[in-house]
Amino acid sequence: MQPSTKTPTGGGPAHRHPVPRALVSVLAANMLVDALEVSANLIALPSVGAGLGLSVPQSQWIVSGFAAGFCGLLLLGGRLVEHLGRRRVFLAALLVFAAASLAGALADGAALLTATRVVKGCCVALTAPTGLAIITSAVPEGPARRRAVSLYSFFGAAGFCTGLLLAGLLTPAGWRWTLAFPAPVALLLLAAGARLVPRDVRDPGAARGPGRHAVATALALTGAVLLLVYGLAHLAGPGRDPAGAAAALAGAVPLGAVFVAAERRAPRPLVPPVLLRHAPLLRSALGAAALNGSYVGFLLVATLDVQGSGRSPWQTALVFLPAAAPLALSALHSARIAARLGPARAVAAGAVLAPLGYALYPRAPDADPGFTALLPATACVGAAFVLAFTALHLQATGSVPAGLQGAAGGLYQTFVQAGAALVAAPVAALCTVGPRPALLLVTAVGAAGACVALGGLIPAARPRPRARARPSPPASPSPSSPIRP
């Protein structure tokens, strides 16, 4: 006889709910699939470009299109969950993700492939945070929930390494297998999720829909990022298109204005205005955008360079492991590391190590980009992520009130994904000229992130106390904020 899981209604001792291990396993496995999307397709990118006859600026959409979709829908995702419920959003996004994976594997040109990558990014923008929300609602608060969240985070960190190795094995058999692999896995998770994900208890007082302002905000943000990516990808290199790039960059401006106007007029803006005055959050978001963007750009340059030297996708995956494995190995202890060092110091140390690693990449024309030659660079980059990535998130949300932490986390992750999309595009364009100018841009972005992080170590200036109290007219009141930087 199975133990009852009903909540007691009497006044006796509280009943302990069994931990839904199967549910946590399904959600963690989905997080792993979400995380491997970037690394697997980075390894497959040269093969995809060769198979479809795409230039580097065209094939880079495999990376930047996914990040742009993730960035564009992340802020709206919370409202969709409020309206439709966690279960419905999670399962629907899994189904669309599987369909987009199959469509991408069958694509015969850049347009369809790019569209599928943007759609998959949008799906992950829904499944990743919704999966975490399902865990926090289904697992009792306390040690059980902490273990479940730790497992969920670990699978996310391990997914990047898994994607490297998986692509190294599948791509030699055909790049379409790398793009198609997530489809059957997503369908299996969909079948398991349909049985295990609990149904939502609807709040009669909840909003009926996400609101037209929220939808306009998400569409404007996604469109602006896509136009920026197109413009940046066609500014330089043999495939440059100055007129098209200028038109795309100019078109992003009115979409940005629509985003701002929709947020200002919305009764419930996706980004509460108080968060835009929260210095630790903004500093962390900018630092994380620079760190993630430069990291993805670095891997893009190295992928093209390593495979261009004649090495296989499997050898490329092994070259990248020192840059990816440390984060996975330390995922369960990263918060403890950040707490011991202090988030600001951990962020600064990691932000300095990242551009140092980029600078150590062998730049000589006859340099052989093998495992040994790249180890100093990849080891520094791996250590940078161990120190900084979790600390950045803690610094971003640590001083935000509980009622605003969800919105703060969404804004922070939007910056993270925007960094990847907006740096990969110009890096790919410069790669058509050679790895050295592309690495120079990557290093510059990393150095800018280091400057932002080091600025966080400078204590805020405080007014000096007056030596003598003198009567003076009252100062004019200044607007106060419930959040202090």
Protein backbone atom coordinates (compact mmCIF):
# COMPACT_ATOMS: atom_id res chain seq x y z
CA MET A 1 0.00 0.00 0.00
CA GLN A 2 1.41 3.37 -1.05
CA PRO A 3 1.74 6.03 1.66
CA SER A 4 -0.73 8.84 1.36
CA THR A 5 0.56 12.17 0.04
CA LYS A 6 -2.49 14.24 0.93
CA THR A 7 -1.97 17.30 3.04
CA PRO A 8 -3.37 16.71 6.53
CA THR A 9 -6.36 18.75 7.49
CA GLY A 10 -6.34 18.01 11.17
CA GLY A 11 -4.23 19.51 13.90
CA GLY A 12 -1.81 16.58 14.21
CA PRO A 13 1.83 16.61 13.24
CA ALA A 14 2.64 17.74 9.72
CA HIS A 15 2.87 14.92 7.19
CA ARG A 16 6.18 14.58 5.36
CA HIS A 17 5.71 14.45 1.60
CA PRO A 18 7.95 11.96 -0.20
CA VAL A 19 10.48 13.63 -2.49
CA PRO A 20 9.36 13.19 -6.15
CA ARG A 21 12.71 11.85 -7.33
CA ALA A 22 11.43 10.80 -10.73
CA LEU A 23 10.08 14.30 -11.35
CA VAL A 24 13.37 15.92 -10.30
CA SER A 25 15.25 13.51 -12.56
CA VAL A 26 13.11 14.43 -15.57
CA LEU A 27 13.50 18.15 -14.96
CA ALA A 28 17.25 17.82 -14.42
CA ALA A 29 17.62 15.77 -17.60
CA ASN A 30 15.77 18.47 -19.51
CA MET A 31 18.17 21.05 -18.10
CA LEU A 32 21.07 18.95 -19.38
CA VAL A 33 19.55 18.88 -22.88
CA ASP A 34 19.01 22.65 -22.76
CA ALA A 35 22.60 23.27 -21.71
CA LEU A 36 24.23 21.07 -24.35
CA GLU A 37 22.55 22.98 -27.19
CA VAL A 38 25.29 25.63 -27.41
CA SER A 39 28.37 23.42 -27.01
CA ALA A 40 27.15 20.65 -29.31
CA ASN A 41 26.35 23.06 -32.11
CA LEU A 42 29.62 24.94 -31.68
CA ILE A 43 31.51 21.72 -32.40
CA ALA A 44 29.23 20.94 -35.36
CA LEU A 45 29.29 24.48 -36.77
CA PRO A 46 32.12 24.00 -39.32
CA SER A 47 30.51 20.77 -40.59
CA VAL A 48 27.08 22.40 -40.85
CA GLY A 49 28.56 25.33 -42.77
CA ALA A 50 30.38 23.01 -45.16
CA GLY A 51 27.35 20.77 -45.62
CA LEU A 52 24.97 23.62 -46.50
CA GLY A 53 27.53 25.80 -48.27
CA LEU A 54 27.25 28.59 -45.69
CA SER A 55 29.78 31.29 -44.91
CA VAL A 56 30.99 31.73 -41.34
CA PRO A 57 28.71 34.79 -40.76
CA GLN A 58 25.77 32.68 -41.96
CA SER A 59 26.60 29.58 -39.94
CA GLN A 60 27.19 31.60 -36.74
CA TRP A 61 23.40 31.97 -36.52
CA ILE A 62 23.45 28.45 -35.08
CA VAL A 63 24.85 30.04 -31.93
CA SER A 64 23.55 33.61 -31.98
CA GLY A 65 20.04 32.70 -33.17
CA PHE A 66 19.59 30.35 -30.23
CA ALA A 67 20.86 32.98 -27.78
CA ALA A 68 18.66 35.67 -29.34
CA GLY A 69 15.53 33.55 -28.95
CA PHE A 70 16.46 32.73 -25.36
CA CYS A 71 17.11 36.40 -24.61
CA GLY A 72 13.94 37.66 -26.27
CA LEU A 73 11.38 35.41 -24.59
CA LEU A 74 12.89 35.06 -21.13
CA LEU A 75 11.21 38.12 -19.63
CA LEU A 76 7.80 37.18 -21.06
CA GLY A 77 8.08 33.58 -19.89
CA GLY A 78 7.00 34.35 -16.33
CA ARG A 79 3.79 35.99 -17.54
CA LEU A 80 2.99 33.07 -19.80
CA VAL A 81 3.41 30.70 -16.85
CA GLU A 82 1.07 32.88 -14.77
CA HIS A 83 -1.56 32.70 -17.51
CA LEU A 84 -1.19 29.12 -18.75
CA GLY A 85 0.36 27.32 -15.78
CA ARG A 86 3.75 25.68 -15.29
CA ARG A 87 2.72 22.24 -16.54
CA ARG A 88 1.15 23.45 -19.77
CA VAL A 89 4.04 25.80 -20.63
CA PHE A 90 6.71 23.21 -19.83
CA LEU A 91 5.13 20.41 -21.87
CA ALA A 92 4.23 22.64 -24.82
CA ALA A 93 7.74 24.06 -24.97
CA LEU A 94 9.21 20.53 -24.95
CA LEU A 95 6.99 19.53 -27.87
CA VAL A 96 7.93 22.58 -29.95
CA PHE A 97 11.60 22.05 -29.03
CA ALA A 98 11.48 18.50 -30.40
CA ALA A 99 9.76 19.63 -33.61
CA ALA A 100 12.30 22.43 -34.12
CA SER A 101 15.18 19.97 -33.59
CA LEU A 102 13.87 17.72 -36.36
CA ALA A 103 13.22 20.66 -38.67
CA GLY A 104 16.76 21.95 -38.10
CA ALA A 105 18.23 18.54 -38.88
CA LEU A 106 16.32 18.48 -42.18
CA ALA A 107 17.09 22.10 -43.11
CA ASP A 108 18.49 22.70 -46.60
CA GLY A 109 19.41 26.36 -46.18
CA ALA A 110 20.36 29.11 -43.79
CA ALA A 111 16.86 30.59 -43.38
CA LEU A 112 15.13 27.47 -42.04
CA LEU A 113 18.12 26.51 -39.90
CA THR A 114 18.26 29.97 -38.32
CA ALA A 115 14.52 29.98 -37.68
CA THR A 116 14.72 26.63 -35.88
CA ARG A 117 17.56 27.89 -33.71
CA VAL A 118 15.60 30.99 -32.69
CA VAL A 119 12.54 28.84 -31.90
CA LYS A 120 14.62 26.44 -29.81
CA GLY A 121 16.08 29.36 -27.88
CA CYS A 122 12.55 30.56 -27.14
CA CYS A 123 11.60 27.08 -25.92
CA VAL A 124 14.58 26.87 -23.57
CA ALA A 125 13.67 30.32 -22.23
CA LEU A 126 10.45 28.65 -21.05
CA THR A 127 11.60 25.19 -19.95
CA ALA A 128 14.69 26.15 -17.93
CA PRO A 129 13.11 28.60 -15.43
CA THR A 130 9.78 26.76 -15.44
CA GLY A 131 11.52 23.50 -14.53
CA LEU A 132 13.13 25.18 -11.53
CA ALA A 133 9.76 26.65 -10.53
CA ILE A 134 8.17 23.19 -10.70
CA ILE A 135 10.87 21.83 -8.38
CA THR A 136 10.36 24.59 -5.81
CA SER A 137 6.61 24.00 -5.81
CA ALA A 138 6.70 20.17 -5.78
CA VAL A 139 9.58 19.52 -3.36
CA PRO A 140 9.12 20.43 0.33
CA GLU A 141 11.22 23.30 1.60
CA GLY A 142 14.37 22.30 3.44
CA PRO A 143 17.22 19.87 2.72
CA ALA A 144 15.20 17.97 0.10
CA ARG A 145 14.59 21.09 -1.95
CA ARG A 146 18.21 22.22 -1.64
CA ARG A 147 19.38 18.83 -2.92
CA ALA A 148 16.92 18.96 -5.80
CA VAL A 149 17.95 22.48 -6.83
CA SER A 150 21.63 21.50 -6.55
CA LEU A 151 21.04 18.50 -8.80
CA TYR A 152 19.18 20.70 -11.29
CA SER A 153 22.06 23.21 -11.35
CA PHE A 154 24.65 20.45 -11.63
CA PHE A 155 22.97 18.97 -14.70
CA GLY A 156 22.89 22.41 -16.26
CA ALA A 157 26.63 22.85 -15.74
CA ALA A 158 27.38 19.29 -16.87
CA GLY A 159 25.31 19.76 -20.01
CA PHE A 160 27.96 21.91 -21.66
CA CYS A 161 30.60 19.17 -21.28
CA THR A 162 28.10 16.55 -22.42
CA GLY A 163 27.37 18.58 -25.54
CA LEU A 164 31.06 18.78 -26.42
CA LEU A 165 31.54 15.02 -26.16
CA LEU A 166 28.24 14.17 -27.82
CA ALA A 167 28.95 16.39 -30.82
CA GLY A 168 32.47 15.00 -31.04
CA LEU A 169 30.96 11.53 -31.43
CA LEU A 170 27.94 12.32 -33.63
CA THR A 171 29.26 14.96 -36.02
CA PRO A 172 31.71 12.63 -37.85
CA ALA A 173 28.73 10.39 -38.64
CA GLY A 174 26.87 13.40 -40.05
CA TRP A 175 26.15 16.87 -38.69
CA ARG A 176 22.41 16.30 -39.03
CA TRP A 177 22.61 13.70 -36.26
CA THR A 178 23.95 16.34 -33.88
CA LEU A 179 21.01 18.62 -34.64
CA ALA A 180 18.44 15.81 -34.51
CA PHE A 181 19.62 14.09 -31.32
CA PRO A 182 17.67 16.36 -28.89
CA ALA A 183 14.34 15.54 -30.59
CA PRO A 184 13.81 11.95 -29.35
CA VAL A 185 15.20 12.86 -25.93
CA ALA A 186 12.75 15.77 -25.66
CA LEU A 187 9.87 13.48 -26.67
CA LEU A 188 10.83 10.96 -23.98
CA LEU A 189 10.97 13.76 -21.42
CA LEU A 190 7.60 15.00 -22.68
CA ALA A 191 6.03 11.57 -22.13
CA ALA A 192 7.54 11.31 -18.65
CA GLY A 193 6.62 14.91 -17.82
CA ALA A 194 3.00 14.35 -18.82
CA ARG A 195 2.81 11.67 -16.11
CA LEU A 196 4.94 13.32 -13.43
CA VAL A 197 4.56 17.11 -13.61
CA PRO A 198 1.77 18.05 -11.20
CA ARG A 199 -1.22 19.98 -12.44
CA ASP A 200 -1.36 23.64 -11.50
CA VAL A 201 -3.77 24.98 -8.92
CA ARG A 202 -5.20 27.99 -10.70
CA ASP A 203 -5.66 31.23 -8.81
CA PRO A 204 -9.07 32.74 -9.67
CA GLY A 205 -7.64 36.20 -9.07
CA ALA A 206 -4.69 35.73 -11.43
CA ALA A 207 -4.36 37.84 -14.56
CA ARG A 208 -6.19 36.46 -17.60
CA GLY A 209 -3.28 36.93 -19.97
CA PRO A 210 0.25 38.25 -20.24
CA GLY A 211 -1.02 41.61 -21.50
CA ARG A 212 -0.45 43.34 -24.81
CA HIS A 213 2.32 45.51 -23.37
CA ALA A 214 4.25 42.42 -22.26
CA VAL A 215 3.87 40.77 -25.66
CA ALA A 216 4.95 43.96 -27.43
CA THR A 217 7.96 44.19 -25.14
CA ALA A 218 9.08 40.62 -25.89
CA LEU A 219 8.57 40.94 -29.64
CA ALA A 220 10.39 44.26 -29.78
CA LEU A 221 13.31 42.92 -27.74
CA THR A 222 13.64 39.77 -29.86
CA GLY A 223 13.43 41.74 -33.10
CA ALA A 224 15.98 44.30 -31.94
CA VAL A 225 18.49 41.61 -30.93
CA LEU A 226 18.05 39.75 -34.24
CA LEU A 227 18.62 42.95 -36.23
CA LEU A 228 21.68 43.80 -34.16
CA VAL A 229 23.09 40.32 -34.76
CA TYR A 230 22.55 40.64 -38.52
CA GLY A 231 24.13 44.07 -38.63
CA LEU A 232 27.16 43.08 -36.56
CA ALA A 233 27.69 39.89 -38.59
CA HIS A 234 27.91 41.83 -41.88
CA LEU A 235 30.08 44.77 -40.90
CA ALA A 236 33.44 43.19 -41.77
CA GLY A 237 35.03 40.38 -43.71
CA PRO A 238 34.63 39.14 -47.29
CA GLY A 239 30.86 38.77 -46.83
CA ARG A 240 30.33 42.28 -45.53
CA ASP A 241 27.22 44.16 -46.58
CA PRO A 242 27.58 47.75 -45.36
CA ALA A 243 24.17 48.88 -46.63
CA GLY A 244 22.33 45.88 -45.19
CA ALA A 245 24.25 46.10 -41.92
CA ALA A 246 23.46 49.80 -41.57
CA ALA A 247 19.77 49.20 -42.29
CA ALA A 248 19.61 46.40 -39.72
CA LEU A 249 21.36 48.45 -37.05
CA ALA A 250 19.10 51.42 -37.78
CA GLY A 251 16.03 49.18 -37.63
CA ALA A 252 16.97 48.04 -34.14
CA VAL A 253 16.61 51.61 -32.85
CA PRO A 254 12.80 51.97 -33.28
CA LEU A 255 12.30 48.47 -31.90
CA GLY A 256 14.30 49.50 -28.85
CA ALA A 257 12.04 52.55 -28.55
CA VAL A 258 8.97 50.29 -28.72
CA PHE A 259 10.46 48.16 -25.95
CA VAL A 260 10.98 51.20 -23.71
CA ALA A 261 7.56 52.70 -24.48
CA ALA A 262 5.74 49.42 -23.84
CA GLU A 263 7.51 49.00 -20.52
CA ARG A 264 6.69 52.54 -19.42
CA ARG A 265 3.00 52.20 -20.28
CA ALA A 266 2.57 48.70 -18.88
CA PRO A 267 0.60 48.47 -15.62
CA ARG A 268 2.95 45.59 -14.71
CA PRO A 269 6.25 46.08 -16.54
CA LEU A 270 8.37 43.00 -17.15
CA VAL A 271 11.32 44.88 -15.64
CA PRO A 272 10.24 46.86 -12.55
CA PRO A 273 11.84 50.34 -12.81
CA VAL A 274 13.41 50.00 -9.38
CA LEU A 275 15.67 47.23 -10.71
CA LEU A 276 17.17 49.62 -13.25
CA ARG A 277 18.51 51.67 -10.35
CA HIS A 278 19.98 48.70 -8.53
CA ALA A 279 23.74 49.03 -9.04
CA PRO A 280 24.85 45.49 -8.00
CA LEU A 281 22.28 43.94 -10.34
CA LEU A 282 23.24 46.09 -13.34
CA ARG A 283 26.96 45.68 -12.71
CA SER A 284 26.58 41.91 -12.45
CA ALA A 285 24.39 41.74 -15.56
CA LEU A 286 26.93 43.70 -17.63
CA GLY A 287 29.81 41.63 -16.25
CA ALA A 288 27.99 38.37 -16.98
CA ALA A 289 27.14 39.52 -20.52
CA ALA A 290 30.82 40.28 -21.15
CA LEU A 291 31.98 37.00 -19.60
CA ASN A 292 29.49 34.78 -21.44
CA GLY A 293 29.80 36.69 -24.70
CA SER A 294 33.59 36.59 -24.74
CA TYR A 295 33.53 32.90 -23.73
CA VAL A 296 31.24 31.93 -26.61
CA GLY A 297 33.27 34.10 -28.98
CA PHE A 298 36.48 32.45 -27.79
CA LEU A 299 35.06 28.96 -28.39
CA LEU A 300 33.81 30.01 -31.82
CA VAL A 301 37.28 31.24 -32.85
CA ALA A 302 38.95 28.13 -31.43
CA THR A 303 36.45 25.78 -33.12
CA LEU A 304 37.13 27.25 -36.54
CA ASP A 305 40.88 27.35 -35.91
CA VAL A 306 41.23 23.83 -34.47
CA GLN A 307 39.06 22.12 -37.09
CA GLY A 308 40.60 24.30 -39.80
CA SER A 309 43.97 22.79 -38.87
CA GLY A 310 42.68 19.35 -39.78
CA ARG A 311 41.54 18.05 -36.40
CA SER A 312 38.33 16.10 -36.01
CA PRO A 313 35.25 17.22 -34.03
CA TRP A 314 36.19 14.67 -31.33
CA GLN A 315 39.68 16.14 -30.99
CA THR A 316 38.13 19.62 -30.85
CA ALA A 317 35.85 18.52 -28.01
CA LEU A 318 38.83 17.22 -26.03
CA VAL A 319 40.69 20.51 -26.58
CA PHE A 320 37.74 22.41 -25.07
CA LEU A 321 37.25 20.21 -22.00
CA PRO A 322 39.64 22.22 -19.75
CA ALA A 323 37.50 25.30 -20.45
CA ALA A 324 34.21 23.54 -19.67
CA ALA A 325 34.85 20.71 -17.21
CA PRO A 326 35.93 22.80 -14.16
CA LEU A 327 32.51 24.46 -13.92
CA ALA A 328 30.73 21.10 -14.06
CA LEU A 329 33.08 19.54 -11.50
CA SER A 330 32.67 22.43 -9.07
CA ALA A 331 28.95 23.11 -9.67
CA LEU A 332 27.86 21.66 -6.32
CA HIS A 333 30.44 23.78 -4.46
CA SER A 334 30.45 27.00 -6.51
CA ALA A 335 28.17 28.87 -4.10
CA ARG A 336 30.43 27.88 -1.20
CA ILE A 337 33.48 29.12 -3.11
CA ALA A 338 31.80 32.44 -3.83
CA ALA A 339 30.70 32.83 -0.21
CA ARG A 340 34.20 32.13 1.12
CA LEU A 341 35.90 34.61 -1.20
CA GLY A 342 33.05 37.10 -1.20
CA PRO A 343 31.02 37.54 -4.41
CA ALA A 344 32.71 40.79 -5.46
CA ARG A 345 36.23 39.36 -5.06
CA ALA A 346 35.30 36.08 -6.76
CA VAL A 347 33.76 37.97 -9.69
CA ALA A 348 36.81 40.22 -10.02
CA ALA A 349 39.24 37.29 -9.95
CA GLY A 350 37.29 35.37 -12.57
CA ALA A 351 36.79 38.44 -14.76
CA VAL A 352 40.56 39.06 -14.79
CA LEU A 353 41.42 35.42 -15.54
CA ALA A 354 39.12 35.28 -18.58
CA PRO A 355 40.89 37.91 -20.74
CA LEU A 356 44.21 36.53 -19.55
CA GLY A 357 43.18 33.18 -20.99
CA TYR A 358 42.14 34.79 -24.28
CA ALA A 359 45.48 36.59 -24.46
CA LEU A 360 47.33 33.28 -23.99
CA TYR A 361 45.77 31.78 -27.12
CA PRO A 362 48.63 31.06 -29.57
CA ARG A 363 48.55 33.80 -32.22
CA ALA A 364 51.62 33.00 -34.32
CA PRO A 365 50.73 32.29 -37.98
CA ASP A 366 52.36 28.84 -37.82
CA ALA A 367 51.03 27.96 -34.32
CA ASP A 368 49.45 24.53 -33.96
CA PRO A 369 46.16 24.82 -32.03
CA GLY A 370 46.41 21.48 -30.27
CA PHE A 371 45.51 20.42 -26.76
CA THR A 372 48.89 21.26 -25.23
CA ALA A 373 49.20 24.63 -26.98
CA LEU A 374 45.71 25.71 -25.92
CA LEU A 375 45.84 24.31 -22.37
CA PRO A 376 47.05 27.56 -20.70
CA ALA A 377 44.24 29.50 -22.37
CA THR A 378 41.47 26.95 -21.75
CA ALA A 379 42.59 26.35 -18.15
CA CYS A 380 42.41 30.08 -17.36
CA VAL A 381 38.97 30.36 -18.95
CA GLY A 382 37.71 27.33 -17.01
CA ALA A 383 38.99 28.77 -13.73
CA ALA A 384 37.39 32.11 -14.59
CA PHE A 385 33.96 30.51 -14.86
CA VAL A 386 34.38 28.56 -11.62
CA LEU A 387 35.17 31.77 -9.76
CA ALA A 388 32.84 34.24 -11.41
CA PHE A 389 29.72 32.67 -12.87
CA THR A 390 27.85 31.65 -9.72
CA ALA A 391 29.25 34.67 -7.85
CA LEU A 392 27.82 36.98 -10.52
CA HIS A 393 24.35 35.55 -10.00
CA LEU A 394 24.65 35.81 -6.22
CA GLN A 395 25.84 39.39 -6.51
CA ALA A 396 23.01 40.23 -8.90
CA THR A 397 20.16 38.91 -6.78
CA GLY A 398 21.61 38.81 -3.27
CA SER A 399 20.41 42.25 -2.17
CA VAL A 400 17.14 42.25 -4.12
CA PRO A 401 13.96 41.85 -2.02
CA ALA A 402 12.28 38.46 -2.28
CA GLY A 403 9.34 39.86 -4.21
CA LEU A 404 11.61 41.13 -6.98
CA GLN A 405 14.13 38.29 -7.20
CA GLY A 406 12.26 36.55 -10.02
CA ALA A 407 12.26 39.69 -12.17
CA ALA A 408 15.89 40.39 -11.25
CA GLY A 409 16.90 36.87 -12.27
CA GLY A 410 15.08 37.24 -15.58
CA LEU A 411 16.78 40.55 -16.32
CA TYR A 412 20.18 39.10 -15.40
CA GLN A 413 19.75 36.04 -17.62
CA THR A 414 18.55 38.24 -20.48
CA PHE A 415 21.86 40.11 -20.35
CA VAL A 416 23.77 36.80 -20.23
CA GLN A 417 22.12 35.55 -23.42
CA ALA A 418 22.30 38.92 -25.16
CA GLY A 419 26.05 38.93 -24.57
CA ALA A 420 26.42 35.59 -26.36
CA ALA A 421 24.30 36.69 -29.32
CA LEU A 422 25.88 40.11 -29.81
CA VAL A 423 29.51 39.01 -29.44
CA ALA A 424 29.33 35.85 -31.58
CA ALA A 425 28.15 37.81 -34.63
CA PRO A 426 31.09 40.25 -35.04
CA VAL A 427 33.56 37.58 -33.95
CA ALA A 428 32.33 35.33 -36.77
CA ALA A 429 32.69 38.20 -39.24
CA LEU A 430 36.27 38.83 -38.13
CA CYS A 431 37.08 35.11 -38.32
CA THR A 432 36.74 35.38 -42.10
CA VAL A 433 39.74 37.72 -42.00
CA GLY A 434 41.70 35.56 -39.54
CA PRO A 435 41.74 34.40 -35.92
CA ARG A 436 43.92 37.26 -34.67
CA PRO A 437 41.44 40.15 -35.14
CA ALA A 438 38.62 37.95 -33.81
CA LEU A 439 40.67 37.11 -30.71
CA LEU A 440 41.47 40.80 -30.26
CA LEU A 441 37.74 41.57 -30.09
CA VAL A 442 37.12 38.66 -27.70
CA THR A 443 39.92 39.86 -25.42
CA ALA A 444 38.61 43.43 -25.51
CA VAL A 445 35.13 42.29 -24.47
CA GLY A 446 36.61 40.21 -21.65
CA ALA A 447 38.76 43.15 -20.52
CA ALA A 448 35.69 45.41 -20.46
CA GLY A 449 33.98 42.88 -18.20
CA ALA A 450 37.04 42.86 -15.95
CA CYS A 451 36.87 46.66 -15.64
CA VAL A 452 33.21 46.42 -14.61
CA ALA A 453 34.04 43.72 -12.05
CA LEU A 454 37.00 45.62 -10.59
CA GLY A 455 34.74 48.65 -10.24
CA GLY A 456 32.61 46.58 -7.87
CA LEU A 457 35.54 46.37 -5.45
CA ILE A 458 35.62 50.15 -5.02
CA PRO A 459 33.49 51.08 -1.99
CA ALA A 460 30.76 53.58 -2.67
CA ALA A 461 31.66 57.09 -1.54
CA ARG A 462 29.82 58.20 1.55
CA PRO A 463 29.29 61.79 2.62
CA ARG A 464 31.67 62.89 5.37
CA PRO A 465 30.06 63.85 8.68
CA ARG A 466 30.05 67.57 9.37
CA ALA A 467 32.44 68.84 12.00
CA ARG A 468 29.86 71.15 13.53
CA ALA A 469 26.12 71.10 13.36
CA ARG A 470 24.83 74.33 11.88
CA PRO A 471 21.24 75.29 11.28
CA SER A 472 20.37 75.10 7.62
CA PRO A 473 17.22 75.10 5.54
CA PRO A 474 15.72 71.67 4.97
CA ALA A 475 16.95 69.90 1.84
CA SER A 476 14.50 69.16 -0.91
CA PRO A 477 13.21 65.61 -0.71
CA SER A 478 14.69 63.06 -3.12
CA PRO A 479 12.86 60.06 -4.45
CA SER A 480 13.49 57.03 -2.29
CA SER A 481 13.80 53.43 -3.41
CA PRO A 482 13.12 50.25 -1.46
CA ILE A 483 16.38 48.91 -2.94
CA ARG A 484 19.68 50.54 -2.11
CA PRO A 485 22.70 50.00 -4.34
